[in-house]
């Protein structure tokens, strides 16, 4: 559902896939031994909304975390992730908006986590 849309928007951005190959973009956890750079994405929360007549949609928070051994490269990747997702729409999804950013060191790399929110009005 939402994860498939996130992945399709990420891989549709040629600037991003020039920096991170499609095979290095994973839901939740990267495959072991995947070289940097890589990206993982997660659905963090889903809050349903209702009216008197029934379901009105879901508010979904998700995040995309980029990993790179090179900090300058990480900055380029983060910018492309934002371009790929921020203010985008897709079937069943209203406008995606950036709601947060975090970055820091990993064990042998750096990470940047961009958090987004989107209203889902259809899963068909």
Protein backbone atom coordinates (compact mmCIF):
# COMPACT_ATOMS: atom_id res chain seq x y z
CA UNK A 1 0.00 0.00 0.00
CA UNK A 2 1.88 3.06 1.23
CA UNK A 3 5.30 1.42 1.11
CA UNK A 4 4.93 0.56 -2.57
CA UNK A 5 4.07 4.18 -3.34
CA UNK A 6 7.05 5.46 -1.35
CA UNK A 7 9.38 3.14 -3.26
CA UNK A 8 7.89 4.08 -6.64
CA UNK A 9 8.31 7.80 -5.96
CA UNK A 10 11.90 7.30 -4.80
CA UNK A 11 12.97 5.24 -7.82
CA UNK A 12 11.20 7.62 -10.21
CA UNK A 13 13.68 10.33 -9.23
CA UNK A 14 16.64 9.96 -11.60
CA UNK A 15 18.80 12.23 -9.45
CA UNK A 16 18.32 9.90 -6.50
CA UNK A 17 18.89 6.65 -8.39
CA UNK A 18 22.10 8.16 -9.81
CA UNK A 19 23.33 8.33 -6.20
CA UNK A 20 21.65 5.21 -4.75
CA UNK A 21 20.81 2.28 -7.05
CA UNK A 22 17.23 0.96 -6.91
CA UNK A 23 18.58 -2.36 -5.61
CA UNK A 24 19.84 -0.47 -2.52
CA UNK A 25 16.44 0.92 -1.49
CA UNK A 26 14.68 -1.28 1.08
CA UNK A 27 11.57 -1.33 3.25
CA UNK A 28 12.52 -1.33 6.94
CA UNK A 29 15.90 -3.13 6.85
CA UNK A 30 18.64 -3.36 4.23
CA UNK A 31 19.87 -6.73 3.08
CA UNK A 32 23.03 -7.79 4.91
CA UNK A 33 26.27 -6.83 3.18
CA UNK A 34 24.60 -4.13 1.03
CA UNK A 35 27.30 -1.54 0.36
CA UNK A 36 26.76 2.15 1.12
CA UNK A 37 25.02 4.26 0.10
CA UNK A 38 21.62 2.76 0.81
CA UNK A 39 18.12 3.83 1.81
CA UNK A 40 15.50 2.30 4.11
CA UNK A 41 11.93 3.51 4.48
CA UNK A 42 9.39 2.79 7.21
CA UNK A 43 5.77 3.49 8.00
CA UNK A 44 6.00 4.99 11.48
CA UNK A 45 2.36 5.65 12.39
CA UNK A 46 -1.13 5.51 10.92
CA UNK A 47 -4.05 7.37 12.46
CA UNK A 48 -7.49 6.66 11.00
CA UNK A 49 -10.01 9.49 10.72
CA UNK A 50 -13.77 9.01 10.76
CA UNK A 51 -16.91 11.04 10.17
CA UNK A 52 -20.47 10.18 11.17
CA UNK A 53 -20.81 8.20 7.95
CA UNK A 54 -17.61 6.16 8.26
CA UNK A 55 -13.96 6.16 7.30
CA UNK A 56 -12.65 9.53 6.10
CA UNK A 57 -9.02 8.59 5.53
CA UNK A 58 -5.78 7.86 7.34
CA UNK A 59 -3.00 10.22 8.34
CA UNK A 60 0.24 8.34 7.78
CA UNK A 61 3.67 9.28 9.08
CA UNK A 62 6.62 7.64 7.38
CA UNK A 63 10.35 8.14 7.24
CA UNK A 64 13.15 7.61 4.78
CA UNK A 65 16.63 7.03 6.18
CA UNK A 66 19.68 7.40 3.97
CA UNK A 67 23.03 5.86 4.88
CA UNK A 68 26.42 6.74 3.42
CA UNK A 69 30.07 6.37 4.37
CA UNK A 70 30.65 9.87 2.94
CA UNK A 71 28.94 12.80 4.68
CA UNK A 72 28.97 15.08 1.61
CA UNK A 73 27.35 12.33 -0.45
CA UNK A 74 24.74 11.87 2.28
CA UNK A 75 23.76 15.53 1.92
CA UNK A 76 23.21 15.07 -1.82
CA UNK A 77 21.13 11.95 -1.23
CA UNK A 78 18.97 13.67 1.42
CA UNK A 79 18.25 16.55 -0.95
CA UNK A 80 17.15 14.10 -3.65
CA UNK A 81 14.94 12.16 -1.22
CA UNK A 82 13.18 15.40 -0.36
CA UNK A 83 12.77 16.30 -4.03
CA UNK A 84 11.37 12.82 -4.72
CA UNK A 85 8.69 12.99 -2.01
CA UNK A 86 7.97 16.47 -0.63
CA UNK A 87 4.71 17.95 -1.97
CA UNK A 88 4.11 14.93 -4.23
CA UNK A 89 0.73 13.24 -4.74
CA UNK A 90 -0.15 9.78 -5.93
CA UNK A 91 -3.26 7.64 -6.40
CA UNK A 92 -5.03 7.56 -3.05
CA UNK A 93 -2.52 9.91 -1.43
CA UNK A 94 -2.96 13.63 -0.97
CA UNK A 95 0.09 15.90 -0.74
CA UNK A 96 3.13 14.46 1.07
CA UNK A 97 4.80 16.97 3.38
CA UNK A 98 8.14 16.94 5.17
CA UNK A 99 7.63 17.15 8.94
CA UNK A 100 11.09 16.48 10.36
CA UNK A 101 14.76 15.81 9.82
CA UNK A 102 17.46 14.12 11.86
CA UNK A 103 21.05 13.21 11.04
CA UNK A 104 23.99 11.70 12.85
CA UNK A 105 26.72 9.11 12.90
CA UNK A 106 26.21 5.40 12.42
CA UNK A 107 28.67 2.68 13.37
CA UNK A 108 30.67 3.00 10.14
CA UNK A 109 28.60 5.58 8.30
CA UNK A 110 26.40 8.64 8.58
CA UNK A 111 22.61 8.70 8.42
CA UNK A 112 19.94 11.25 7.55
CA UNK A 113 16.30 10.56 8.42
CA UNK A 114 13.58 12.59 6.74
CA UNK A 115 10.10 12.25 8.23
CA UNK A 116 6.96 12.85 6.17
CA UNK A 117 3.20 12.94 6.62
CA UNK A 118 0.48 12.18 4.09
CA UNK A 119 -3.30 11.87 4.10
CA UNK A 120 -4.51 8.62 2.53
CA UNK A 121 -8.01 8.82 1.09
CA UNK A 122 -8.06 5.53 -0.85
CA UNK A 123 -6.25 2.19 -0.93
CA UNK A 124 -7.56 1.14 -4.34
